[in-house]
Amino acid sequence: MDPLRTPLFDWHVARKARMVPFGGWEMPVQYSGIIHEHQIVRNAAGMFDISHMARFDLNGPDALTLIQKVFTNDAAKMKAGQVKYGLVCKENGGILDDILVYRFADHWAMVVNASNREKIFAWLAAQKGSLDTTVTDHTLESAMIAVQGPTMLTVCHEMFPDDPSALKYYHAMETTYRGWPCVVSRTGYTGEDGLEISIEKTQAVALADDLLDRGAVPCGLGARDTLRLEAAMPLYGHELNETITPIQAGLGWAVKFDKGEFIGREALEESEGLMGVQMRRVGLELEGKRAAREHSTILAGGIPMGVVTSGSYVPTLEKSIAMGYVAPRAAFPGSELMVDIRGTPTPAKVVPMPFYKRAK
């Protein structure tokens, strides 16, 4: 099947972006270069087309009941305008996806990873049963653009009748852009302060042009990956999958056992009790500039201890860093390990995550 294209596909091509397949979509991986785009986001404001991310609305009196059933975090405590991160798990605790849940005055919404759009939509349909709620997929009729970086509020000044600077982190508002309804949330996937803007697809080009004129720089998936790696944000299909539990991934803070029953709860309680024996996610800092790629073996004393899930030489830190899963005895900070980089053992040590944290 041919990859899907976002409403900004021609816009990217006109600006000489290099397009690649990603999560079933054809997406820009870079424009001017990954390092330059990465530094723009850390020091000014970059803009990303994230229209490939799936967007669902949930309406009806039982919408919260369905969310609570499939979501590891507690949505019942959310107030209108709040956004919350959490996981959707199978009965055995394996992660089906990591998602954002939005609460609005009269409905709920979810943002889901692009590659998991059909899977999660089907999962919600299967779990709904007789609940009085409707789940609607708005992905193909809308667009989503992220503006990320320390100057993003200056870039977006007076773009909307409601001031986004008043938004707290992980909050969203329903507002308008040039008279068109849109949602603006103070969220992102780069480790920087940012906004994510959802709007009807016919307005995507106008919004992107406006942001460009205001000083935002187009950025691709390449910089998005190095940015999220520095911030130690897990990526589905790398750090997260159906064989890994949120507990192993270090996301136990997004699992609320006190909220009542939810799918996977019993398995996750067992996973919490197995932390002394199960593989867990760690951050690694490597010697030299060579990047540890996905699937590289992690060793201690010549014995395999785990595997790299993401790695790169990153621009902000000017270091080679990686995330991966290792046996518990190798998971403590300061643990001296080796990573097999294409046949060459390279010294590495376990370090605390995130690798990079923006100044408040």
Protein backbone atom coordinates (compact mmCIF):
# COMPACT_ATOMS: atom_id res chain seq x y z
CA MET A 1 0.00 0.00 0.00
CA ASP A 2 1.29 3.46 -0.87
CA PRO A 3 2.27 5.64 2.10
CA LEU A 4 -0.15 8.35 3.21
CA ARG A 5 0.71 12.02 2.70
CA THR A 6 -0.03 14.86 5.11
CA PRO A 7 -1.74 18.08 3.94
CA LEU A 8 1.74 19.66 3.92
CA PHE A 9 3.39 17.13 1.58
CA ASP A 10 3.70 19.54 -1.38
CA TRP A 11 4.79 22.30 1.04
CA HIS A 12 7.70 20.11 2.19
CA VAL A 13 8.71 19.16 -1.34
CA ALA A 14 8.66 22.81 -2.44
CA ARG A 15 11.15 23.57 0.35
CA LYS A 16 13.43 20.72 -0.77
CA ALA A 17 12.82 18.47 2.22
CA ARG A 18 14.10 14.93 1.87
CA MET A 19 11.04 12.70 2.13
CA VAL A 20 11.11 9.19 3.63
CA PRO A 21 8.56 6.51 4.62
CA PHE A 22 7.67 6.61 8.32
CA GLY A 23 4.84 4.88 10.17
CA GLY A 24 2.85 4.43 6.98
CA TRP A 25 3.35 8.04 5.89
CA GLU A 26 5.74 9.91 3.60
CA MET A 27 7.43 12.43 5.89
CA PRO A 28 10.29 15.00 5.78
CA VAL A 29 13.43 13.66 7.46
CA GLN A 30 15.42 16.89 7.03
CA TYR A 31 15.59 20.24 5.24
CA SER A 32 18.83 22.16 5.91
CA GLY A 33 20.41 19.31 7.91
CA ILE A 34 19.76 17.44 11.14
CA ILE A 35 22.41 19.23 13.23
CA HIS A 36 21.26 22.71 12.16
CA GLU A 37 17.59 21.85 12.74
CA HIS A 38 18.39 20.31 16.14
CA GLN A 39 20.22 23.46 17.23
CA ILE A 40 17.39 25.69 15.99
CA VAL A 41 14.97 23.90 18.33
CA ARG A 42 17.36 24.13 21.29
CA ASN A 43 18.07 27.85 20.73
CA ALA A 44 15.14 29.41 18.83
CA ALA A 45 11.99 27.83 17.33
CA GLY A 46 11.59 24.89 14.98
CA MET A 47 8.36 23.68 13.43
CA PHE A 48 7.45 20.07 12.71
CA ASP A 49 4.66 18.58 10.63
CA ILE A 50 3.21 15.97 12.99
CA SER A 51 0.00 15.42 11.03
CA HIS A 52 0.90 11.73 10.84
CA MET A 53 0.09 11.36 14.55
CA ALA A 54 -3.40 9.88 14.96
CA ARG A 55 -6.12 12.08 16.44
CA PHE A 56 -9.27 10.54 17.93
CA ASP A 57 -12.29 12.21 19.56
CA LEU A 58 -14.33 10.36 22.19
CA ASN A 59 -17.90 11.53 22.81
CA GLY A 60 -20.81 10.27 24.88
CA PRO A 61 -21.59 9.66 28.56
CA ASP A 62 -19.30 6.61 28.83
CA ALA A 63 -16.20 8.12 27.18
CA LEU A 64 -14.38 8.40 30.50
CA THR A 65 -15.29 4.81 31.41
CA LEU A 66 -13.68 3.55 28.19
CA ILE A 67 -10.58 5.68 28.73
CA GLN A 68 -10.19 4.46 32.30
CA LYS A 69 -10.48 0.86 31.08
CA VAL A 70 -7.64 1.11 28.52
CA PHE A 71 -5.43 3.88 30.00
CA THR A 72 -2.78 3.23 32.67
CA ASN A 73 -2.95 6.79 34.04
CA ASP A 74 -5.94 8.24 35.89
CA ALA A 75 -8.11 10.36 33.62
CA ALA A 76 -10.86 10.75 36.23
CA LYS A 77 -8.84 13.42 38.02
CA MET A 78 -8.35 15.50 34.87
CA LYS A 79 -9.97 18.92 34.57
CA ALA A 80 -11.18 20.49 31.32
CA GLY A 81 -8.14 21.69 29.37
CA GLN A 82 -5.74 19.18 30.90
CA VAL A 83 -3.56 16.74 28.92
CA LYS A 84 -2.15 13.55 30.41
CA TYR A 85 0.46 11.02 29.21
CA GLY A 86 -0.04 7.29 29.71
CA LEU A 87 0.05 3.86 28.15
CA VAL A 88 -2.40 1.45 26.54
CA CYS A 89 -1.47 -2.11 27.51
CA LYS A 90 -2.49 -5.66 26.71
CA GLU A 91 -3.69 -8.01 29.43
CA ASN A 92 -0.10 -9.27 29.87
CA GLY A 93 1.19 -5.72 30.48
CA GLY A 94 2.87 -5.34 27.08
CA ILE A 95 2.61 -1.82 25.66
CA LEU A 96 0.25 -1.35 22.71
CA ASP A 97 1.08 2.37 22.54
CA ASP A 98 1.94 5.44 24.55
CA ILE A 99 -0.65 8.18 24.10
CA LEU A 100 -1.84 11.60 25.21
CA VAL A 101 -5.38 11.99 26.56
CA TYR A 102 -7.07 15.41 26.40
CA ARG A 103 -10.10 16.48 28.41
CA PHE A 104 -12.33 19.24 27.09
CA ALA A 105 -15.59 20.65 28.44
CA ASP A 106 -17.83 18.43 26.31
CA HIS A 107 -15.63 15.63 24.97
CA TRP A 108 -12.32 13.77 25.23
CA ALA A 109 -9.52 13.29 22.70
CA MET A 110 -6.45 11.11 22.18
CA VAL A 111 -3.22 11.54 20.22
CA VAL A 112 -1.76 8.18 19.19
CA ASN A 113 1.45 7.18 17.41
CA ALA A 114 1.15 7.12 13.61
CA SER A 115 2.15 3.47 13.21
CA ASN A 116 -0.42 2.40 15.82
CA ARG A 117 -3.42 4.35 14.50
CA GLU A 118 -5.39 1.38 13.15
CA LYS A 119 -4.35 -0.91 16.01
CA ILE A 120 -5.49 1.46 18.77
CA PHE A 121 -8.69 2.42 16.96
CA ALA A 122 -9.54 -1.29 16.69
CA TRP A 123 -8.56 -1.85 20.34
CA LEU A 124 -10.91 0.92 21.48
CA ALA A 125 -13.71 -0.56 19.37
CA ALA A 126 -13.10 -4.02 20.84
CA GLN A 127 -13.07 -2.74 24.43
CA LYS A 128 -16.09 -0.46 24.06
CA GLY A 129 -18.67 -3.24 24.25
CA SER A 130 -22.03 -1.77 25.24
CA LEU A 131 -20.56 1.50 26.54
CA ASP A 132 -22.35 4.60 25.26
CA THR A 133 -19.47 6.35 23.55
CA THR A 134 -18.38 7.12 20.00
CA VAL A 135 -14.73 7.12 18.90
CA THR A 136 -14.04 9.18 15.76
CA ASP A 137 -10.77 9.21 13.83
CA HIS A 138 -10.06 12.77 12.62
CA THR A 139 -6.50 12.11 11.44
CA LEU A 140 -7.06 12.31 7.68
CA GLU A 141 -9.26 15.39 7.81
CA SER A 142 -6.98 17.48 10.01
CA ALA A 143 -3.38 18.61 10.36
CA MET A 144 -1.06 19.03 13.34
CA ILE A 145 2.00 21.27 13.55
CA ALA A 146 4.42 21.48 16.49
CA VAL A 147 6.37 24.65 17.29
CA GLN A 148 9.22 23.84 19.66
CA GLY A 149 11.99 25.90 21.25
CA PRO A 150 12.67 28.76 23.68
CA THR A 151 11.33 31.48 21.35
CA MET A 152 8.16 29.65 20.31
CA LEU A 153 5.85 31.99 22.28
CA THR A 154 7.37 35.00 20.51
CA VAL A 155 6.81 33.29 17.17
CA CYS A 156 3.18 32.53 18.05
CA HIS A 157 2.40 35.93 19.63
CA GLU A 158 -1.13 37.11 18.72
CA MET A 159 -1.74 34.21 16.32
CA PHE A 160 -4.81 33.18 18.32
CA PRO A 161 -7.49 35.23 20.12
CA ASP A 162 -6.59 33.31 23.30
CA ASP A 163 -3.03 33.77 24.56
CA PRO A 164 -1.14 30.41 24.56
CA SER A 165 1.40 31.81 27.03
CA ALA A 166 -1.33 31.44 29.66
CA LEU A 167 -1.39 27.67 29.08
CA LYS A 168 0.33 25.57 31.71
CA TYR A 169 2.53 22.67 30.62
CA TYR A 170 0.39 19.70 29.51
CA HIS A 171 -2.71 21.82 29.07
CA ALA A 172 -4.71 22.60 25.93
CA MET A 173 -7.30 25.08 24.73
CA GLU A 174 -9.94 25.12 22.03
CA THR A 175 -9.53 28.39 20.15
CA THR A 176 -9.47 29.70 16.57
CA TYR A 177 -6.90 30.55 13.92
CA ARG A 178 -8.11 33.10 11.35
CA GLY A 179 -11.65 32.14 12.26
CA TRP A 180 -11.05 28.38 11.95
CA PRO A 181 -11.50 26.16 15.01
CA CYS A 182 -8.26 24.68 16.32
CA VAL A 183 -6.73 23.11 19.40
CA VAL A 184 -3.49 24.45 20.87
CA SER A 185 -1.68 22.39 23.51
CA ARG A 186 1.48 23.11 25.48
CA THR A 187 3.06 19.77 24.71
CA GLY A 188 5.90 18.36 22.61
CA TYR A 189 8.48 15.68 22.02
CA THR A 190 11.79 17.56 22.00
CA GLY A 191 12.62 18.40 25.61
CA GLU A 192 11.87 22.09 24.89
CA ASP A 193 8.87 24.26 25.66
CA GLY A 194 6.44 24.06 22.77
CA LEU A 195 2.98 24.20 21.29
CA GLU A 196 1.16 21.64 19.18
CA ILE A 197 -1.59 23.02 16.94
CA SER A 198 -4.38 20.87 15.44
CA ILE A 199 -6.50 22.38 12.66
CA GLU A 200 -8.68 21.45 9.69
CA LYS A 201 -6.46 20.16 6.85
CA THR A 202 -7.41 22.94 4.41
CA GLN A 203 -5.76 25.46 6.75
CA ALA A 204 -2.46 23.59 7.15
CA VAL A 205 -0.53 25.46 4.45
CA ALA A 206 -1.69 28.87 5.66
CA LEU A 207 -0.66 28.01 9.23
CA ALA A 208 2.74 26.66 8.12
CA ASP A 209 3.40 29.74 5.95
CA ASP A 210 2.45 32.03 8.83
CA LEU A 211 4.81 30.26 11.23
CA LEU A 212 7.60 30.42 8.64
CA ASP A 213 7.05 34.17 8.16
CA ARG A 214 7.17 34.64 11.93
CA GLY A 215 10.61 33.02 12.16
CA ALA A 216 9.99 29.33 12.83
CA VAL A 217 12.37 27.05 10.93
CA PRO A 218 11.07 23.83 9.29
CA CYS A 219 12.54 20.70 10.87
CA GLY A 220 12.30 17.03 9.98
CA LEU A 221 12.10 13.67 11.69
CA GLY A 222 15.90 13.40 11.92
CA ALA A 223 16.19 16.32 14.33
CA ARG A 224 13.04 15.22 16.13
CA ASP A 225 14.76 11.90 16.85
CA THR A 226 18.02 13.38 18.18
CA LEU A 227 16.08 15.91 20.26
CA ARG A 228 13.85 13.28 21.89
CA LEU A 229 16.90 11.05 22.47
CA GLU A 230 18.70 13.82 24.40
CA ALA A 231 15.53 14.24 26.45
CA ALA A 232 15.40 10.41 26.95
CA MET A 233 11.85 10.24 25.61
CA PRO A 234 10.97 6.68 24.58
CA LEU A 235 9.83 5.97 21.01
CA TYR A 236 7.30 3.29 20.19
CA GLY A 237 8.91 0.51 18.17
CA HIS A 238 12.26 1.20 19.85
CA GLU A 239 12.03 1.61 23.64
CA LEU A 240 8.37 0.57 23.75
CA ASN A 241 6.64 -2.46 22.25
CA GLU A 242 4.23 -5.26 23.08
CA THR A 243 6.92 -7.29 24.90
CA ILE A 244 7.93 -4.45 27.26
CA THR A 245 5.91 -3.25 30.26
CA PRO A 246 5.73 0.39 31.39
CA ILE A 247 7.51 -0.65 34.59
CA GLN A 248 10.53 -1.94 32.66
CA ALA A 249 10.50 1.21 30.52
CA GLY A 250 10.78 3.44 33.59
CA LEU A 251 7.25 4.75 33.08
CA GLY A 252 5.78 3.45 36.32
CA TRP A 253 4.88 7.05 37.23
CA ALA A 254 2.22 6.89 34.45
CA VAL A 255 0.62 3.75 35.93
CA LYS A 256 -1.93 4.49 38.65
CA PHE A 257 -2.83 1.29 40.51
CA ASP A 258 -5.06 3.21 42.92
CA LYS A 259 -7.52 4.28 40.20
CA GLY A 260 -9.27 0.91 40.01
CA GLU A 261 -9.32 -1.77 37.34
CA PHE A 262 -7.78 -1.31 33.91
CA ILE A 263 -6.50 -3.68 31.26
CA GLY A 264 -3.08 -5.04 32.21
CA ARG A 265 -3.24 -3.97 35.85
CA GLU A 266 -2.58 -7.41 37.36
CA ALA A 267 0.36 -8.07 35.02
CA LEU A 268 1.85 -4.65 35.77
CA GLU A 269 1.64 -5.27 39.52
CA GLU A 270 3.57 -8.49 38.89
CA SER A 271 6.08 -6.59 36.74
CA GLU A 272 6.61 -4.12 39.58
CA GLY A 273 7.50 -7.04 41.84
CA LEU A 274 10.00 -8.41 39.31
CA MET A 275 12.25 -5.35 39.05
CA GLY A 276 15.10 -7.35 40.51
CA VAL A 277 15.11 -9.84 37.64
CA GLN A 278 13.64 -8.22 34.51
CA MET A 279 15.40 -6.08 31.90
CA ARG A 280 15.04 -2.34 32.38
CA ARG A 281 15.62 0.81 30.32
CA VAL A 282 18.84 2.72 30.95
CA GLY A 283 20.75 5.64 29.51
CA LEU A 284 24.29 5.11 28.19
CA GLU A 285 27.13 7.50 27.48
CA LEU A 286 29.75 6.12 25.10
CA GLU A 287 33.38 6.96 24.54
CA GLY A 288 34.17 8.65 21.24
CA LYS A 289 31.84 9.83 18.51
CA ARG A 290 30.63 6.55 17.02
CA ALA A 291 26.90 6.01 17.34
CA ALA A 292 25.48 2.87 18.91
CA ARG A 293 22.67 1.86 16.61
CA GLU A 294 19.51 -0.05 17.43
CA HIS A 295 20.10 -3.76 18.16
CA SER A 296 23.78 -3.22 19.14
CA THR A 297 24.71 -5.68 21.91
CA ILE A 298 25.53 -4.33 25.38
CA LEU A 299 28.13 -6.39 27.29
CA ALA A 300 29.72 -6.61 30.73
CA GLY A 301 32.91 -8.63 31.03
CA GLY A 302 32.27 -10.03 27.57
CA ILE A 303 28.86 -11.36 28.59
CA PRO A 304 25.78 -9.97 26.79
CA MET A 305 23.74 -7.84 29.19
CA GLY A 306 21.19 -6.30 26.85
CA VAL A 307 20.59 -4.40 23.65
CA VAL A 308 20.56 -0.80 22.41
CA THR A 309 17.15 0.54 21.34
CA SER A 310 18.19 4.07 20.20
CA GLY A 311 21.53 5.78 19.84
CA SER A 312 23.22 8.75 18.17
CA TYR A 313 25.98 11.33 18.43
CA VAL A 314 23.92 14.31 19.60
CA PRO A 315 24.57 17.99 18.82
CA THR A 316 23.68 19.71 22.12
CA LEU A 317 25.80 17.46 24.32
CA GLU A 318 28.42 16.67 21.64
CA LYS A 319 28.49 13.08 22.90
CA SER A 320 27.49 9.64 21.74
CA ILE A 321 24.52 8.54 23.84
CA ALA A 322 22.06 5.67 23.72
CA MET A 323 19.13 4.07 25.45
CA GLY A 324 18.70 0.36 25.83
CA TYR A 325 17.54 -2.49 28.04
CA VAL A 326 19.97 -4.30 30.32
CA ALA A 327 19.89 -6.91 33.08
CA PRO A 328 19.27 -5.44 36.58
CA ARG A 329 22.84 -6.04 37.77
CA ALA A 330 24.10 -3.77 34.99
CA ALA A 331 21.41 -1.09 35.34
CA PHE A 332 22.81 1.12 38.11
CA PRO A 333 24.35 4.56 37.30
CA GLY A 334 28.10 4.33 36.84
CA SER A 335 28.00 0.71 35.67
CA GLU A 336 30.90 0.17 33.23
CA LEU A 337 29.80 -1.65 30.09
CA MET A 338 30.78 -2.20 26.46
CA VAL A 339 28.67 -1.71 23.35
CA ASP A 340 29.42 -3.74 20.25
CA ILE A 341 29.38 -1.15 17.45
CA ARG A 342 29.63 -3.08 14.20
CA GLY A 343 32.16 -5.49 15.64
CA THR A 344 34.12 -2.95 17.69
CA PRO A 345 33.65 -3.08 21.50
CA THR A 346 33.21 0.52 22.70
CA PRO A 347 33.34 1.54 26.39
CA ALA A 348 30.09 2.89 27.81
CA LYS A 349 28.68 3.70 31.21
CA VAL A 350 25.15 3.90 32.58
CA VAL A 351 24.12 7.49 33.32
CA PRO A 352 20.94 9.06 34.73
CA MET A 353 18.20 10.11 32.31
CA PRO A 354 17.32 12.51 30.80
CA PHE A 355 20.67 13.29 29.22
CA TYR A 356 19.53 16.87 28.57
CA LYS A 357 17.13 19.01 30.57
CA ARG A 358 16.20 22.55 29.57
CA ALA A 359 16.66 25.40 31.99
CA LYS A 360 13.41 26.43 33.66
